[in-house]
Amino acid sequence: MEKNIFNPGTKFRFPESVEYSTDGIVSKRVIDLPVGTVTLFAFDKGQRLSTHSAPFDAMAQVIEGEAEIVIDNIPNQLGTGDTIVMPAGIPHAVNATERFKMILTMIKG
């Protein structure tokens, strides 16, 4: 099913569109289509996504705070404004070294 969670044609700001949850991770789908997704995340400090891989490339853009993204056992420190591509089929993990928010874009083609 094709759907956009946010209202198309309506202006919004990513950092204000998701709130932190104490000791948790919050995600909101911005665009959810068969060809790909854009998801907004807020991680509380210390939260993580354990090592996994995906069948498609994914691009993570940090829009607030700091995180460590480990790709193929190589740690990458990212801060506000930094972006990294997590290649398809390569193990990666996300660690919130501080509270942070990111946009994750995955293209399935």
Protein backbone atom coordinates (compact mmCIF):
# COMPACT_ATOMS: atom_id res chain seq x y z
CA MET A 1 0.00 0.00 0.00
CA GLU A 2 1.38 3.43 -0.92
CA LYS A 3 1.09 6.01 1.80
CA ASN A 4 2.76 9.08 3.20
CA ILE A 5 2.45 9.47 6.95
CA PHE A 6 3.10 13.21 6.91
CA ASN A 7 0.71 15.39 4.92
CA PRO A 8 2.08 15.98 1.41
CA GLY A 9 2.18 19.66 0.54
CA THR A 10 2.40 20.70 4.20
CA LYS A 11 5.63 22.21 5.48
CA PHE A 12 7.30 20.64 8.52
CA ARG A 13 10.70 20.56 10.23
CA PHE A 14 12.30 17.19 10.89
CA PRO A 15 13.78 17.94 14.34
CA GLU A 16 10.42 19.12 15.70
CA SER A 17 8.48 16.22 14.16
CA VAL A 18 9.65 13.53 16.59
CA GLU A 19 10.14 13.62 20.37
CA TYR A 20 12.57 11.68 22.52
CA SER A 21 11.31 8.89 24.76
CA THR A 22 13.20 8.18 27.99
CA ASP A 23 15.25 5.00 27.54
CA GLY A 24 13.69 4.42 24.14
CA ILE A 25 13.75 4.83 20.39
CA VAL A 26 10.91 6.55 18.54
CA SER A 27 10.40 6.17 14.79
CA LYS A 28 7.97 7.81 12.39
CA ARG A 29 7.57 6.92 8.74
CA VAL A 30 7.60 10.07 6.65
CA ILE A 31 7.26 8.28 3.30
CA ASP A 32 6.39 4.61 2.95
CA LEU A 33 6.27 3.41 -0.66
CA PRO A 34 7.08 0.12 -2.38
CA VAL A 35 10.20 1.74 -3.89
CA GLY A 36 11.57 3.01 -0.59
CA THR A 37 11.07 4.62 2.78
CA VAL A 38 12.07 7.73 4.69
CA THR A 39 11.93 7.26 8.45
CA LEU A 40 12.56 9.79 11.20
CA PHE A 41 14.15 8.47 14.42
CA ALA A 42 14.82 9.85 17.91
CA PHE A 43 17.20 7.83 20.13
CA ASP A 44 17.67 8.44 23.83
CA LYS A 45 21.29 8.32 25.04
CA GLY A 46 22.51 4.74 25.37
CA GLN A 47 19.92 3.23 23.01
CA ARG A 48 21.04 1.18 20.04
CA LEU A 49 20.03 -0.86 17.04
CA SER A 50 22.05 -4.06 17.23
CA THR A 51 24.17 -5.31 14.35
CA HIS A 52 22.10 -6.27 11.33
CA SER A 53 22.18 -5.96 7.56
CA ALA A 54 19.62 -4.90 4.98
CA PRO A 55 19.14 -5.94 1.35
CA PHE A 56 19.28 -2.29 0.20
CA ASP A 57 21.57 0.69 0.70
CA ALA A 58 20.39 3.02 3.47
CA MET A 59 21.42 6.61 4.08
CA ALA A 60 21.48 7.99 7.64
CA GLN A 61 21.46 11.77 8.18
CA VAL A 62 21.98 13.01 11.74
CA ILE A 63 19.80 16.09 12.28
CA GLU A 64 20.41 16.57 16.01
CA GLY A 65 22.92 15.25 18.53
CA GLU A 66 25.63 12.61 18.14
CA ALA A 67 25.76 8.93 17.24
CA GLU A 68 28.11 6.13 16.39
CA ILE A 69 27.28 4.11 13.31
CA VAL A 70 29.35 0.95 12.95
CA ILE A 71 29.66 -0.42 9.42
CA ASP A 72 31.48 -3.71 8.89
CA ASN A 73 33.03 -3.37 12.39
CA ILE A 74 34.34 0.15 11.64
CA PRO A 75 32.96 2.82 14.02
CA ASN A 76 31.94 6.18 12.53
CA GLN A 77 31.22 9.17 14.78
CA LEU A 78 28.47 11.38 13.37
CA GLY A 79 27.12 14.70 14.60
CA THR A 80 24.46 17.14 13.50
CA GLY A 81 24.65 17.58 9.75
CA ASP A 82 26.68 14.41 9.06
CA THR A 83 25.49 11.72 6.64
CA ILE A 84 26.66 8.18 5.93
CA VAL A 85 25.55 5.42 3.56
CA MET A 86 25.20 1.92 4.98
CA PRO A 87 25.80 -0.44 2.03
CA ALA A 88 23.43 -3.27 1.22
CA GLY A 89 24.36 -6.63 2.73
CA ILE A 90 27.06 -5.19 5.04
CA PRO A 91 26.51 -5.54 8.83
CA HIS A 92 25.89 -2.25 10.62
CA ALA A 93 24.72 -1.00 14.01
CA VAL A 94 23.57 2.33 15.45
CA ASN A 95 24.60 3.51 18.94
CA ALA A 96 23.31 6.68 20.60
CA THR A 97 26.39 8.13 22.30
CA GLU A 98 24.14 11.12 23.11
CA ARG A 99 20.49 11.78 22.42
CA PHE A 100 20.16 12.11 18.67
CA LYS A 101 17.72 12.28 15.79
CA MET A 102 18.26 10.97 12.28
CA ILE A 103 16.54 10.56 8.97
CA LEU A 104 16.95 7.11 7.43
CA THR A 105 16.34 6.85 3.68
CA MET A 106 16.15 3.44 2.03
CA ILE A 107 15.71 3.00 -1.71
CA LYS A 108 14.58 -0.49 -2.68
CA GLY A 109 15.53 -0.39 -6.34
